[in-house]
């Protein structure tokens, strides 16, 4: 099994000898000598991602601002899952809190959008099934779409679902020799979802 390396000096980590070696938030080691050289405590290393620690090491002019940012983002934060940076964890926490508010106020939000709407979106679905041998008559689709387009419908999405497979034989007439040719086909149904915007005044 390969030994872990220090993210900075790339030397192998010996946890029995280097008792100060510390893992970052995303489980990457920084060895004790590197921590001492760059004056980094285990608390800071634990709270930051490996990327943030390397930025600290390689940008001494920005050191104080970066240390402050790491401390600020993690000061009142719950336990962070492995692989998340301190910054992203705070963003995720804020996003989840916002989602909770949306759920609590869902009816109010729905009423707002309904009151602001000037059009209503309508949907309809066209269904086209393959022939027994898997052929699809595209001319029928063209005609149907052109007709619907005249009434304001536009294609929103297309989906194809497999209904099953058919197999059979077709006789081939080769003079006095009778031959049966095998035929296999996949039969699909194609769903075309159409949508159009209808002004609300036309629906009153």
C-alpha atoms as a PDB file:
ATOM      1  CA  UNK A   1       0.000   0.000   0.000  1.00  0.00           C
ATOM      2  CA  UNK A   2       1.467   3.373  -1.013  1.00  0.00           C
ATOM      3  CA  UNK A   3       2.303   5.813   1.752  1.00  0.00           C
ATOM      4  CA  UNK A   4       0.586   9.163   1.937  1.00  0.00           C
ATOM      5  CA  UNK A   5       2.699  12.106   0.800  1.00  0.00           C
ATOM      6  CA  UNK A   6       2.856  15.646   2.088  1.00  0.00           C
ATOM      7  CA  UNK A   7       0.974  17.893  -0.315  1.00  0.00           C
ATOM      8  CA  UNK A   8       3.778  20.463  -0.239  1.00  0.00           C
ATOM      9  CA  UNK A   9       7.182  18.748   0.003  1.00  0.00           C
ATOM     10  CA  UNK A  10       5.942  15.396  -1.409  1.00  0.00           C
ATOM     11  CA  UNK A  11       7.813  13.413   1.271  1.00  0.00           C
ATOM     12  CA  UNK A  12       6.188  10.242   2.667  1.00  0.00           C
ATOM     13  CA  UNK A  13       4.210  10.707   5.860  1.00  0.00           C
ATOM     14  CA  UNK A  14       5.218   8.529   8.810  1.00  0.00           C
ATOM     15  CA  UNK A  15       2.387   8.946  11.298  1.00  0.00           C
ATOM     16  CA  UNK A  16       4.418   7.264  14.076  1.00  0.00           C
ATOM     17  CA  UNK A  17       7.358   9.664  13.740  1.00  0.00           C
ATOM     18  CA  UNK A  18       5.622  12.791  12.459  1.00  0.00           C
ATOM     19  CA  UNK A  19       2.981  13.263  15.158  1.00  0.00           C
ATOM     20  CA  UNK A  20       2.195  16.777  13.922  1.00  0.00           C
ATOM     21  CA  UNK A  21       1.215  15.734  10.404  1.00  0.00           C
ATOM     22  CA  UNK A  22      -2.369  16.884   9.826  1.00  0.00           C
ATOM     23  CA  UNK A  23      -5.040  16.101   7.263  1.00  0.00           C
ATOM     24  CA  UNK A  24      -6.949  18.799   5.459  1.00  0.00           C
ATOM     25  CA  UNK A  25     -10.709  18.856   5.079  1.00  0.00           C
ATOM     26  CA  UNK A  26     -10.407  16.663   1.971  1.00  0.00           C
ATOM     27  CA  UNK A  27      -8.059  14.187   3.728  1.00  0.00           C
ATOM     28  CA  UNK A  28      -4.727  15.328   2.232  1.00  0.00           C
ATOM     29  CA  UNK A  29      -1.685  15.415   4.539  1.00  0.00           C
ATOM     30  CA  UNK A  30       0.548  18.354   5.367  1.00  0.00           C
ATOM     31  CA  UNK A  31       3.655  17.178   7.233  1.00  0.00           C
ATOM     32  CA  UNK A  32       4.778  18.604  10.584  1.00  0.00           C
ATOM     33  CA  UNK A  33       7.961  20.300   9.245  1.00  0.00           C
ATOM     34  CA  UNK A  34       5.958  22.101   6.523  1.00  0.00           C
ATOM     35  CA  UNK A  35       3.371  23.203   9.077  1.00  0.00           C
ATOM     36  CA  UNK A  36       6.154  24.589  11.259  1.00  0.00           C
ATOM     37  CA  UNK A  37       7.916  26.267   8.318  1.00  0.00           C
ATOM     38  CA  UNK A  38       4.776  28.097   7.220  1.00  0.00           C
ATOM     39  CA  UNK A  39       3.431  28.642  10.739  1.00  0.00           C
ATOM     40  CA  UNK A  40       0.196  26.723  10.205  1.00  0.00           C
ATOM     41  CA  UNK A  41      -1.690  25.200  13.106  1.00  0.00           C
ATOM     42  CA  UNK A  42      -3.536  21.889  12.954  1.00  0.00           C
ATOM     43  CA  UNK A  43      -6.816  23.781  13.468  1.00  0.00           C
ATOM     44  CA  UNK A  44      -6.284  25.799  10.291  1.00  0.00           C
ATOM     45  CA  UNK A  45      -5.209  22.767   8.255  1.00  0.00           C
ATOM     46  CA  UNK A  46      -8.216  20.763   9.474  1.00  0.00           C
ATOM     47  CA  UNK A  47     -10.618  23.540   8.471  1.00  0.00           C
ATOM     48  CA  UNK A  48      -9.262  24.129   4.971  1.00  0.00           C
ATOM     49  CA  UNK A  49      -9.033  22.161   1.755  1.00  0.00           C
ATOM     50  CA  UNK A  50      -5.681  21.132   0.297  1.00  0.00           C
ATOM     51  CA  UNK A  51      -6.128  23.751  -2.437  1.00  0.00           C
ATOM     52  CA  UNK A  52      -6.613  26.482   0.168  1.00  0.00           C
ATOM     53  CA  UNK A  53      -3.528  25.391   2.134  1.00  0.00           C
ATOM     54  CA  UNK A  54      -1.350  25.419  -0.986  1.00  0.00           C
ATOM     55  CA  UNK A  55      -2.631  28.901  -1.809  1.00  0.00           C
ATOM     56  CA  UNK A  56      -1.648  30.000   1.684  1.00  0.00           C
ATOM     57  CA  UNK A  57       1.837  28.561   1.280  1.00  0.00           C
ATOM     58  CA  UNK A  58       2.433  29.954  -2.204  1.00  0.00           C
ATOM     59  CA  UNK A  59       0.920  33.413  -1.645  1.00  0.00           C
ATOM     60  CA  UNK A  60       2.486  34.847   1.509  1.00  0.00           C
ATOM     61  CA  UNK A  61       1.281  38.356   0.644  1.00  0.00           C
ATOM     62  CA  UNK A  62      -2.325  37.165   0.874  1.00  0.00           C
ATOM     63  CA  UNK A  63      -1.777  35.051   3.983  1.00  0.00           C
ATOM     64  CA  UNK A  64      -3.679  37.156   6.512  1.00  0.00           C
ATOM     65  CA  UNK A  65      -6.689  37.682   4.271  1.00  0.00           C
ATOM     66  CA  UNK A  66      -6.868  33.978   3.438  1.00  0.00           C
ATOM     67  CA  UNK A  67      -6.534  32.914   7.081  1.00  0.00           C
ATOM     68  CA  UNK A  68      -9.339  35.288   7.994  1.00  0.00           C
ATOM     69  CA  UNK A  69     -11.527  33.909   5.208  1.00  0.00           C
ATOM     70  CA  UNK A  70     -10.966  30.285   6.278  1.00  0.00           C
ATOM     71  CA  UNK A  71     -11.718  31.117   9.908  1.00  0.00           C
ATOM     72  CA  UNK A  72     -14.818  33.143   9.013  1.00  0.00           C
ATOM     73  CA  UNK A  73     -16.296  30.452   6.770  1.00  0.00           C
ATOM     74  CA  UNK A  74     -15.872  27.740   9.389  1.00  0.00           C
ATOM     75  CA  UNK A  75     -16.590  29.573  12.645  1.00  0.00           C
ATOM     76  CA  UNK A  76     -20.269  28.607  13.007  1.00  0.00           C
ATOM     77  CA  UNK A  77     -20.416  25.677  10.639  1.00  0.00           C
ATOM     78  CA  UNK A  78     -21.596  22.142  11.266  1.00  0.00           C
ATOM     79  CA  UNK A  79     -19.373  19.133  10.514  1.00  0.00           C
ATOM     80  CA  UNK A  80     -18.305  19.182   6.883  1.00  0.00           C
ATOM     81  CA  UNK A  81     -18.338  16.091   4.692  1.00  0.00           C
ATOM     82  CA  UNK A  82     -14.988  14.894   3.326  1.00  0.00           C
ATOM     83  CA  UNK A  83     -14.038  16.504   0.046  1.00  0.00           C
ATOM     84  CA  UNK A  84     -15.915  19.749   0.560  1.00  0.00           C
ATOM     85  CA  UNK A  85     -14.037  22.976   1.016  1.00  0.00           C
ATOM     86  CA  UNK A  86     -15.006  25.252   3.888  1.00  0.00           C
ATOM     87  CA  UNK A  87     -16.411  27.757   1.440  1.00  0.00           C
ATOM     88  CA  UNK A  88     -18.521  25.267  -0.498  1.00  0.00           C
ATOM     89  CA  UNK A  89     -19.860  23.759   2.734  1.00  0.00           C
ATOM     90  CA  UNK A  90     -21.155  27.152   3.843  1.00  0.00           C
ATOM     91  CA  UNK A  91     -22.719  27.707   0.449  1.00  0.00           C
ATOM     92  CA  UNK A  92     -24.430  24.318   0.604  1.00  0.00           C
ATOM     93  CA  UNK A  93     -25.753  25.059   4.086  1.00  0.00           C
ATOM     94  CA  UNK A  94     -27.179  28.401   2.930  1.00  0.00           C
ATOM     95  CA  UNK A  95     -28.721  26.798  -0.152  1.00  0.00           C
ATOM     96  CA  UNK A  96     -30.438  24.098   1.915  1.00  0.00           C
ATOM     97  CA  UNK A  97     -31.810  26.699   4.313  1.00  0.00           C
ATOM     98  CA  UNK A  98     -33.163  28.643   1.342  1.00  0.00           C
ATOM     99  CA  UNK A  99     -34.799  25.496  -0.017  1.00  0.00           C
ATOM    100  CA  UNK A 100     -36.538  24.965   3.347  1.00  0.00           C
ATOM    101  CA  UNK A 101     -37.994  28.473   3.098  1.00  0.00           C
ATOM    102  CA  UNK A 102     -39.231  27.744  -0.432  1.00  0.00           C
ATOM    103  CA  UNK A 103     -41.006  24.618   0.781  1.00  0.00           C
ATOM    104  CA  UNK A 104     -42.622  26.441   3.706  1.00  0.00           C
ATOM    105  CA  UNK A 105     -43.858  29.271   1.448  1.00  0.00           C
ATOM    106  CA  UNK A 106     -44.733  27.169  -1.587  1.00  0.00           C
ATOM    107  CA  UNK A 107     -48.381  28.267  -1.798  1.00  0.00           C
ATOM    108  CA  UNK A 108     -47.459  31.936  -1.492  1.00  0.00           C
ATOM    109  CA  UNK A 109     -44.786  31.566  -4.173  1.00  0.00           C
ATOM    110  CA  UNK A 110     -47.178  29.762  -6.512  1.00  0.00           C
ATOM    111  CA  UNK A 111     -49.775  32.506  -6.114  1.00  0.00           C
ATOM    112  CA  UNK A 112     -47.146  35.136  -6.913  1.00  0.00           C
ATOM    113  CA  UNK A 113     -46.158  33.499 -10.203  1.00  0.00           C
ATOM    114  CA  UNK A 114     -49.786  32.948 -11.157  1.00  0.00           C
ATOM    115  CA  UNK A 115     -50.581  36.615 -10.515  1.00  0.00           C
ATOM    116  CA  UNK A 116     -47.583  37.784 -12.588  1.00  0.00           C
ATOM    117  CA  UNK A 117     -48.276  35.528 -15.551  1.00  0.00           C
ATOM    118  CA  UNK A 118     -49.549  37.083 -18.767  1.00  0.00           C
ATOM    119  CA  UNK A 119     -49.696  33.791 -20.667  1.00  0.00           C
ATOM    120  CA  UNK A 120     -50.556  30.205 -19.889  1.00  0.00           C
ATOM    121  CA  UNK A 121     -48.382  27.374 -21.118  1.00  0.00           C
ATOM    122  CA  UNK A 122     -50.286  24.460 -22.637  1.00  0.00           C
ATOM    123  CA  UNK A 123     -48.875  21.038 -23.487  1.00  0.00           C
ATOM    124  CA  UNK A 124     -50.023  18.136 -25.632  1.00  0.00           C
ATOM    125  CA  UNK A 125     -48.431  14.845 -26.671  1.00  0.00           C
ATOM    126  CA  UNK A 126     -48.348  13.223 -30.098  1.00  0.00           C
ATOM    127  CA  UNK A 127     -47.694   9.478 -30.252  1.00  0.00           C
ATOM    128  CA  UNK A 128     -46.307   7.612 -33.275  1.00  0.00           C
ATOM    129  CA  UNK A 129     -45.854   3.857 -33.224  1.00  0.00           C
ATOM    130  CA  UNK A 130     -43.489   1.924 -35.471  1.00  0.00           C
ATOM    131  CA  UNK A 131     -44.857  -0.627 -37.863  1.00  0.00           C
ATOM    132  CA  UNK A 132     -44.569  -4.306 -36.996  1.00  0.00           C
ATOM    133  CA  UNK A 133     -41.158  -4.404 -38.660  1.00  0.00           C
ATOM    134  CA  UNK A 134     -39.801  -1.300 -36.965  1.00  0.00           C
ATOM    135  CA  UNK A 135     -40.401   1.251 -39.715  1.00  0.00           C
ATOM    136  CA  UNK A 136     -41.595   4.752 -38.861  1.00  0.00           C
ATOM    137  CA  UNK A 137     -43.496   6.820 -41.400  1.00  0.00           C
ATOM    138  CA  UNK A 138     -41.823  10.207 -41.058  1.00  0.00           C
ATOM    139  CA  UNK A 139     -44.217  11.777 -43.550  1.00  0.00           C
ATOM    140  CA  UNK A 140     -47.007  11.305 -41.002  1.00  0.00           C
ATOM    141  CA  UNK A 141     -44.904  13.077 -38.391  1.00  0.00           C
ATOM    142  CA  UNK A 142     -44.126  15.942 -40.781  1.00  0.00           C
ATOM    143  CA  UNK A 143     -47.784  16.406 -41.608  1.00  0.00           C
ATOM    144  CA  UNK A 144     -48.885  16.313 -37.970  1.00  0.00           C
ATOM    145  CA  UNK A 145     -46.209  18.808 -36.860  1.00  0.00           C
ATOM    146  CA  UNK A 146     -47.033  21.212 -39.682  1.00  0.00           C
ATOM    147  CA  UNK A 147     -50.716  21.115 -38.780  1.00  0.00           C
ATOM    148  CA  UNK A 148     -50.021  21.703 -35.078  1.00  0.00           C
ATOM    149  CA  UNK A 149     -47.555  24.496 -35.882  1.00  0.00           C
ATOM    150  CA  UNK A 150     -50.345  26.378 -37.653  1.00  0.00           C
ATOM    151  CA  UNK A 151     -52.175  26.484 -34.315  1.00  0.00           C
ATOM    152  CA  UNK A 152     -49.187  27.775 -32.380  1.00  0.00           C
ATOM    153  CA  UNK A 153     -47.725  24.512 -31.120  1.00  0.00           C
ATOM    154  CA  UNK A 154     -43.955  24.013 -30.992  1.00  0.00           C
ATOM    155  CA  UNK A 155     -41.901  20.908 -30.188  1.00  0.00           C
ATOM    156  CA  UNK A 156     -40.748  20.911 -26.564  1.00  0.00           C
ATOM    157  CA  UNK A 157     -39.278  17.419 -26.173  1.00  0.00           C
ATOM    158  CA  UNK A 158     -39.044  14.051 -27.927  1.00  0.00           C
ATOM    159  CA  UNK A 159     -38.875  10.640 -26.281  1.00  0.00           C
ATOM    160  CA  UNK A 160     -38.638   7.136 -27.712  1.00  0.00           C
ATOM    161  CA  UNK A 161     -39.728   4.065 -25.758  1.00  0.00           C
ATOM    162  CA  UNK A 162     -39.166   0.500 -26.828  1.00  0.00           C
ATOM    163  CA  UNK A 163     -42.364  -1.561 -26.892  1.00  0.00           C
ATOM    164  CA  UNK A 164     -40.787  -4.886 -27.790  1.00  0.00           C
ATOM    165  CA  UNK A 165     -39.095  -6.950 -30.441  1.00  0.00           C
ATOM    166  CA  UNK A 166     -40.735  -8.828 -33.301  1.00  0.00           C
ATOM    167  CA  UNK A 167     -39.298 -11.722 -35.246  1.00  0.00           C
ATOM    168  CA  UNK A 168     -40.641 -13.642 -38.205  1.00  0.00           C
ATOM    169  CA  UNK A 169     -39.846 -15.081 -41.568  1.00  0.00           C
ATOM    170  CA  UNK A 170     -40.428 -13.891 -45.086  1.00  0.00           C
ATOM    171  CA  UNK A 171     -40.564 -16.350 -48.026  1.00  0.00           C
ATOM    172  CA  UNK A 172     -38.135 -15.651 -50.836  1.00  0.00           C
ATOM    173  CA  UNK A 173     -39.006 -16.939 -54.288  1.00  0.00           C
ATOM    174  CA  UNK A 174     -35.830 -18.113 -55.969  1.00  0.00           C
ATOM    175  CA  UNK A 175     -37.234 -20.244 -58.759  1.00  0.00           C
ATOM    176  CA  UNK A 176     -37.702 -23.803 -57.631  1.00  0.00           C
ATOM    177  CA  UNK A 177     -35.912 -23.196 -54.325  1.00  0.00           C
ATOM    178  CA  UNK A 178     -38.019 -22.084 -51.405  1.00  0.00           C
ATOM    179  CA  UNK A 179     -36.151 -20.057 -48.791  1.00  0.00           C
ATOM    180  CA  UNK A 180     -37.407 -18.449 -45.591  1.00  0.00           C
ATOM    181  CA  UNK A 181     -35.544 -15.278 -44.543  1.00  0.00           C
ATOM    182  CA  UNK A 182     -35.538 -14.353 -40.855  1.00  0.00           C
ATOM    183  CA  UNK A 183     -36.509 -10.832 -39.861  1.00  0.00           C
ATOM    184  CA  UNK A 184     -35.944  -9.204 -36.457  1.00  0.00           C
ATOM    185  CA  UNK A 185     -37.194  -5.734 -35.620  1.00  0.00           C
ATOM    186  CA  UNK A 186     -37.482  -3.456 -32.614  1.00  0.00           C
ATOM    187  CA  UNK A 187     -40.815  -1.684 -32.326  1.00  0.00           C
ATOM    188  CA  UNK A 188     -40.728   1.741 -30.665  1.00  0.00           C
ATOM    189  CA  UNK A 189     -43.258   4.395 -29.837  1.00  0.00           C
ATOM    190  CA  UNK A 190     -42.146   7.988 -30.351  1.00  0.00           C
ATOM    191  CA  UNK A 191     -43.656  10.638 -28.100  1.00  0.00           C
ATOM    192  CA  UNK A 192     -43.439  14.270 -29.200  1.00  0.00           C
ATOM    193  CA  UNK A 193     -44.377  16.822 -26.548  1.00  0.00           C
ATOM    194  CA  UNK A 194     -45.685  20.127 -27.888  1.00  0.00           C
ATOM    195  CA  UNK A 195     -46.167  23.405 -26.065  1.00  0.00           C
ATOM    196  CA  UNK A 196     -47.634  26.807 -26.781  1.00  0.00           C
ATOM    197  CA  UNK A 197     -48.152  30.082 -24.916  1.00  0.00           C
ATOM    198  CA  UNK A 198     -51.726  31.327 -24.771  1.00  0.00           C
ATOM    199  CA  UNK A 199     -52.493  34.913 -23.661  1.00  0.00           C
ATOM    200  CA  UNK A 200     -54.623  34.864 -20.511  1.00  0.00           C
ATOM    201  CA  UNK A 201     -57.196  37.244 -22.017  1.00  0.00           C
ATOM    202  CA  UNK A 202     -58.089  34.575 -24.577  1.00  0.00           C
ATOM    203  CA  UNK A 203     -58.906  32.105 -21.801  1.00  0.00           C
ATOM    204  CA  UNK A 204     -61.417  34.354 -19.995  1.00  0.00           C
END
